[in-house]
Amino acid sequence: MDSQVKRGFLDACVLATIARGDSYGYQIVKSAPAALSLSESTLYPILRRLKASGRVTEYAQEHNGRTRKYYSITPQGRGWLAAFAAQKSEIEDVLRYIERGVNRD
């Protein structure tokens, strides 16, 4: 998947994962669609960007004697995710246009 296209989908997938329930880095990576090839080194800059934009918050919680950072989606994050999902028909239109170019003989 092209990196520019992938960036928007990465943000949306990370938010969608967190929207299902507060989560931590490793679990977010494991929950993301395999086609995105999300790694922890890719995830943490995304989480920092989402936090800076007010779409997620983080909090610390002890787990097995260690502190683990959990991420929670904010109302602003839910709004952004809904707006992204609302673009589905536009995304499908663009994909159909591309497919017509690819399938042209």
N, C-alpha and C. Protein backbone atom coordinates (compact mmCIF):
# COMPACT_ATOMS: atom_id res chain seq x y z
N MET A 1 0.84 -1.17 0.00
CA MET A 1 0.00 0.00 0.00
C MET A 1 0.89 1.24 0.00
N ASP A 2 0.54 2.23 -0.81
CA ASP A 2 1.29 3.47 -0.93
C ASP A 2 1.35 4.18 0.43
N SER A 3 2.49 4.76 0.76
CA SER A 3 2.68 5.36 2.08
C SER A 3 1.78 6.55 2.34
N GLN A 4 1.46 7.35 1.32
CA GLN A 4 0.59 8.50 1.53
C GLN A 4 -0.84 8.06 1.82
N VAL A 5 -1.31 7.08 1.10
CA VAL A 5 -2.65 6.55 1.33
C VAL A 5 -2.68 5.87 2.69
N LYS A 6 -1.62 5.16 2.98
CA LYS A 6 -1.53 4.39 4.21
C LYS A 6 -1.62 5.27 5.46
N ARG A 7 -1.08 6.48 5.42
CA ARG A 7 -1.04 7.34 6.61
C ARG A 7 -2.43 7.64 7.14
N GLY A 8 -3.35 8.05 6.27
CA GLY A 8 -4.71 8.32 6.71
C GLY A 8 -5.39 7.09 7.26
N PHE A 9 -5.16 5.96 6.61
CA PHE A 9 -5.76 4.72 7.08
C PHE A 9 -5.13 4.28 8.40
N LEU A 10 -3.85 4.52 8.59
CA LEU A 10 -3.20 4.17 9.85
C LEU A 10 -3.83 4.94 11.00
N ASP A 11 -3.96 6.26 10.83
CA ASP A 11 -4.58 7.07 11.88
C ASP A 11 -5.99 6.54 12.18
N ALA A 12 -6.77 6.29 11.13
CA ALA A 12 -8.15 5.82 11.31
C ALA A 12 -8.18 4.44 11.99
N CYS A 13 -7.29 3.55 11.60
CA CYS A 13 -7.26 2.21 12.19
C CYS A 13 -6.84 2.24 13.66
N VAL A 14 -5.87 3.08 13.98
CA VAL A 14 -5.45 3.20 15.37
C VAL A 14 -6.61 3.76 16.20
N LEU A 15 -7.27 4.79 15.70
CA LEU A 15 -8.42 5.34 16.42
C LEU A 15 -9.55 4.33 16.54
N ALA A 16 -9.81 3.59 15.48
CA ALA A 16 -10.88 2.58 15.51
C ALA A 16 -10.56 1.49 16.53
N THR A 17 -9.31 1.11 16.64
CA THR A 17 -8.91 0.11 17.63
C THR A 17 -9.14 0.64 19.04
N ILE A 18 -8.71 1.87 19.27
CA ILE A 18 -8.87 2.46 20.61
C ILE A 18 -10.35 2.73 20.90
N ALA A 19 -11.14 3.01 19.87
CA ALA A 19 -12.57 3.25 20.06
C ALA A 19 -13.29 2.01 20.59
N ARG A 20 -12.73 0.83 20.32
CA ARG A 20 -13.32 -0.42 20.81
C ARG A 20 -13.07 -0.61 22.30
N GLY A 21 -12.13 0.14 22.84
CA GLY A 21 -11.79 0.06 24.25
C GLY A 21 -10.37 0.53 24.46
N ASP A 22 -10.10 1.14 25.59
CA ASP A 22 -8.76 1.62 25.88
C ASP A 22 -7.76 0.50 25.65
N SER A 23 -6.60 0.86 25.12
CA SER A 23 -5.63 -0.15 24.75
C SER A 23 -4.22 0.39 24.90
N TYR A 24 -3.25 -0.48 24.80
CA TYR A 24 -1.83 -0.14 24.90
C TYR A 24 -1.14 -0.53 23.59
N GLY A 25 0.07 -0.04 23.42
CA GLY A 25 0.79 -0.16 22.16
C GLY A 25 0.81 -1.54 21.54
N TYR A 26 1.30 -2.53 22.26
CA TYR A 26 1.44 -3.87 21.70
C TYR A 26 0.08 -4.42 21.24
N GLN A 27 -0.95 -4.19 22.04
CA GLN A 27 -2.28 -4.69 21.69
C GLN A 27 -2.84 -3.98 20.47
N ILE A 28 -2.56 -2.70 20.33
CA ILE A 28 -3.01 -1.95 19.15
C ILE A 28 -2.36 -2.54 17.90
N VAL A 29 -1.07 -2.81 17.96
CA VAL A 29 -0.35 -3.39 16.82
C VAL A 29 -0.98 -4.73 16.44
N LYS A 30 -1.28 -5.56 17.41
CA LYS A 30 -1.84 -6.89 17.14
C LYS A 30 -3.27 -6.81 16.61
N SER A 31 -4.00 -5.76 16.96
CA SER A 31 -5.39 -5.63 16.54
C SER A 31 -5.55 -5.00 15.16
N ALA A 32 -4.55 -4.31 14.68
CA ALA A 32 -4.64 -3.60 13.40
C ALA A 32 -4.69 -4.59 12.23
N PRO A 33 -5.34 -4.20 11.14
CA PRO A 33 -5.37 -5.08 9.96
C PRO A 33 -3.96 -5.40 9.46
N ALA A 34 -3.73 -6.64 9.11
CA ALA A 34 -2.40 -7.08 8.67
C ALA A 34 -1.92 -6.33 7.44
N ALA A 35 -2.83 -5.91 6.58
CA ALA A 35 -2.45 -5.21 5.34
C ALA A 35 -1.72 -3.89 5.62
N LEU A 36 -1.91 -3.34 6.82
CA LEU A 36 -1.24 -2.08 7.15
C LEU A 36 0.20 -2.29 7.61
N SER A 37 0.56 -3.50 7.98
CA SER A 37 1.91 -3.80 8.47
C SER A 37 2.32 -2.84 9.57
N LEU A 38 1.43 -2.60 10.52
CA LEU A 38 1.70 -1.68 11.62
C LEU A 38 2.71 -2.30 12.58
N SER A 39 3.75 -1.54 12.90
CA SER A 39 4.76 -1.99 13.86
C SER A 39 4.76 -0.99 15.02
N GLU A 40 5.39 -1.38 16.11
CA GLU A 40 5.46 -0.48 17.26
C GLU A 40 6.24 0.78 16.91
N SER A 41 7.26 0.65 16.07
CA SER A 41 8.04 1.84 15.71
C SER A 41 7.23 2.81 14.84
N THR A 42 6.23 2.30 14.14
CA THR A 42 5.32 3.15 13.37
C THR A 42 4.21 3.68 14.27
N LEU A 43 3.76 2.87 15.20
CA LEU A 43 2.62 3.22 16.04
C LEU A 43 2.89 4.42 16.95
N TYR A 44 4.02 4.45 17.64
CA TYR A 44 4.22 5.48 18.65
C TYR A 44 4.26 6.90 18.09
N PRO A 45 4.84 7.14 16.92
CA PRO A 45 4.70 8.49 16.34
C PRO A 45 3.24 8.83 16.01
N ILE A 46 2.47 7.85 15.59
CA ILE A 46 1.05 8.07 15.31
C ILE A 46 0.33 8.44 16.60
N LEU A 47 0.59 7.69 17.66
CA LEU A 47 -0.05 7.99 18.94
C LEU A 47 0.34 9.38 19.45
N ARG A 48 1.60 9.77 19.28
CA ARG A 48 2.02 11.13 19.69
C ARG A 48 1.27 12.18 18.89
N ARG A 49 1.12 11.95 17.58
CA ARG A 49 0.40 12.90 16.73
C ARG A 49 -1.07 12.97 17.12
N LEU A 50 -1.68 11.82 17.39
CA LEU A 50 -3.08 11.79 17.79
C LEU A 50 -3.29 12.45 19.15
N LYS A 51 -2.34 12.27 20.02
CA LYS A 51 -2.42 12.91 21.34
C LYS A 51 -2.26 14.42 21.20
N ALA A 52 -1.30 14.86 20.41
CA ALA A 52 -1.07 16.30 20.21
C ALA A 52 -2.27 16.98 19.56
N SER A 53 -3.00 16.25 18.74
CA SER A 53 -4.17 16.82 18.06
C SER A 53 -5.44 16.71 18.91
N GLY A 54 -5.33 16.10 20.07
CA GLY A 54 -6.47 15.99 20.97
C GLY A 54 -7.41 14.84 20.66
N ARG A 55 -6.98 13.92 19.82
CA ARG A 55 -7.85 12.81 19.43
C ARG A 55 -7.76 11.63 20.40
N VAL A 56 -6.65 11.53 21.14
CA VAL A 56 -6.51 10.49 22.16
C VAL A 56 -5.88 11.11 23.41
N THR A 57 -6.12 10.45 24.52
CA THR A 57 -5.43 10.78 25.76
C THR A 57 -4.70 9.53 26.21
N GLU A 58 -3.76 9.70 27.11
CA GLU A 58 -3.05 8.54 27.64
C GLU A 58 -3.05 8.60 29.16
N TYR A 59 -2.97 7.42 29.75
CA TYR A 59 -2.87 7.32 31.20
C TYR A 59 -2.02 6.09 31.51
N ALA A 60 -1.43 6.08 32.68
CA ALA A 60 -0.57 4.97 33.09
C ALA A 60 -1.33 4.08 34.06
N GLN A 61 -1.06 2.79 33.93
CA GLN A 61 -1.67 1.81 34.82
C GLN A 61 -0.67 0.70 35.07
N GLU A 62 -0.61 0.22 36.28
CA GLU A 62 0.32 -0.86 36.61
C GLU A 62 -0.22 -2.19 36.09
N HIS A 63 0.69 -2.96 35.50
CA HIS A 63 0.34 -4.28 34.99
C HIS A 63 1.52 -5.21 35.26
N ASN A 64 1.32 -6.23 36.06
CA ASN A 64 2.37 -7.18 36.42
C ASN A 64 3.62 -6.48 36.95
N GLY A 65 3.43 -5.48 37.80
CA GLY A 65 4.55 -4.79 38.42
C GLY A 65 5.22 -3.74 37.55
N ARG A 66 4.71 -3.52 36.36
CA ARG A 66 5.28 -2.53 35.45
C ARG A 66 4.20 -1.52 35.09
N THR A 67 4.65 -0.32 34.77
CA THR A 67 3.71 0.71 34.33
C THR A 67 3.49 0.59 32.83
N ARG A 68 2.25 0.57 32.44
CA ARG A 68 1.89 0.46 31.03
C ARG A 68 1.05 1.69 30.66
N LYS A 69 1.34 2.28 29.48
CA LYS A 69 0.56 3.42 29.00
C LYS A 69 -0.64 2.90 28.21
N TYR A 70 -1.79 3.38 28.59
CA TYR A 70 -3.03 3.07 27.87
C TYR A 70 -3.50 4.32 27.15
N TYR A 71 -4.18 4.10 26.04
CA TYR A 71 -4.67 5.20 25.22
C TYR A 71 -6.18 5.11 25.14
N SER A 72 -6.82 6.28 25.20
CA SER A 72 -8.27 6.38 25.18
C SER A 72 -8.67 7.40 24.12
N ILE A 73 -9.70 7.11 23.36
CA ILE A 73 -10.16 8.04 22.33
C ILE A 73 -10.98 9.15 22.99
N THR A 74 -10.86 10.35 22.49
CA THR A 74 -11.60 11.50 22.99
C THR A 74 -12.83 11.73 22.12
N PRO A 75 -13.74 12.58 22.56
CA PRO A 75 -14.87 12.93 21.69
C PRO A 75 -14.39 13.53 20.35
N GLN A 76 -13.32 14.30 20.40
CA GLN A 76 -12.76 14.86 19.16
C GLN A 76 -12.26 13.73 18.25
N GLY A 77 -11.64 12.73 18.83
CA GLY A 77 -11.17 11.58 18.06
C GLY A 77 -12.32 10.80 17.45
N ARG A 78 -13.39 10.64 18.20
CA ARG A 78 -14.58 9.95 17.66
C ARG A 78 -15.18 10.74 16.50
N GLY A 79 -15.19 12.06 16.63
CA GLY A 79 -15.71 12.91 15.56
C GLY A 79 -14.86 12.79 14.30
N TRP A 80 -13.54 12.82 14.47
CA TRP A 80 -12.63 12.68 13.33
C TRP A 80 -12.83 11.33 12.66
N LEU A 81 -12.95 10.29 13.46
CA LEU A 81 -13.12 8.93 12.93
C LEU A 81 -14.44 8.82 12.16
N ALA A 82 -15.50 9.41 12.69
CA ALA A 82 -16.79 9.39 12.00
C ALA A 82 -16.70 10.15 10.67
N ALA A 83 -16.01 11.29 10.67
CA ALA A 83 -15.85 12.06 9.44
C ALA A 83 -15.03 11.27 8.41
N PHE A 84 -14.00 10.57 8.87
CA PHE A 84 -13.19 9.75 7.97
C PHE A 84 -14.05 8.65 7.36
N ALA A 85 -14.82 7.97 8.20
CA ALA A 85 -15.67 6.87 7.71
C ALA A 85 -16.75 7.39 6.76
N ALA A 86 -17.20 8.62 6.96
CA ALA A 86 -18.22 9.19 6.09
C ALA A 86 -17.73 9.41 4.67
N GLN A 87 -16.42 9.36 4.47
CA GLN A 87 -15.83 9.53 3.15
C GLN A 87 -15.81 8.22 2.35
N LYS A 88 -16.41 7.18 2.88
CA LYS A 88 -16.37 5.87 2.24
C LYS A 88 -16.78 5.91 0.78
N SER A 89 -17.88 6.56 0.47
CA SER A 89 -18.34 6.56 -0.92
C SER A 89 -17.35 7.30 -1.82
N GLU A 90 -16.73 8.36 -1.31
CA GLU A 90 -15.73 9.07 -2.11
C GLU A 90 -14.50 8.19 -2.36
N ILE A 91 -14.08 7.47 -1.34
CA ILE A 91 -12.94 6.56 -1.48
C ILE A 91 -13.27 5.47 -2.48
N GLU A 92 -14.48 4.92 -2.39
CA GLU A 92 -14.89 3.88 -3.34
C GLU A 92 -14.95 4.42 -4.76
N ASP A 93 -15.43 5.67 -4.94
CA ASP A 93 -15.46 6.29 -6.27
C ASP A 93 -14.06 6.40 -6.86
N VAL A 94 -13.10 6.81 -6.04
CA VAL A 94 -11.72 6.94 -6.50
C VAL A 94 -11.16 5.57 -6.87
N LEU A 95 -11.42 4.56 -6.06
CA LEU A 95 -10.93 3.22 -6.37
C LEU A 95 -11.54 2.67 -7.65
N ARG A 96 -12.83 2.91 -7.87
CA ARG A 96 -13.46 2.46 -9.12
C ARG A 96 -12.83 3.16 -10.32
N TYR A 97 -12.56 4.45 -10.18
CA TYR A 97 -11.91 5.21 -11.25
C TYR A 97 -10.54 4.60 -11.57
N ILE A 98 -9.77 4.30 -10.54
CA ILE A 98 -8.44 3.70 -10.72
C ILE A 98 -8.57 2.34 -11.39
N GLU A 99 -9.52 1.53 -10.93
CA GLU A 99 -9.72 0.19 -11.51
C GLU A 99 -10.07 0.27 -12.98
N ARG A 100 -10.86 1.26 -13.38
CA ARG A 100 -11.21 1.40 -14.80
C ARG A 100 -9.94 1.69 -15.62
N GLY A 101 -9.02 2.45 -15.06
CA GLY A 101 -7.75 2.71 -15.76
C GLY A 101 -6.87 1.48 -15.84
N VAL A 102 -6.86 0.70 -14.79
CA VAL A 102 -6.04 -0.52 -14.75
C VAL A 102 -6.60 -1.57 -15.68
N ASN A 103 -7.90 -1.70 -15.73
CA ASN A 103 -8.55 -2.75 -16.51
C ASN A 103 -8.80 -2.38 -17.96
N ARG A 104 -8.30 -1.26 -18.37
CA ARG A 104 -8.50 -0.81 -19.75
C ARG A 104 -7.56 -1.54 -20.68
N ASP A 105 -8.07 -2.07 -21.74
CA ASP A 105 -7.23 -2.84 -22.69
C ASP A 105 -6.74 -2.00 -23.82
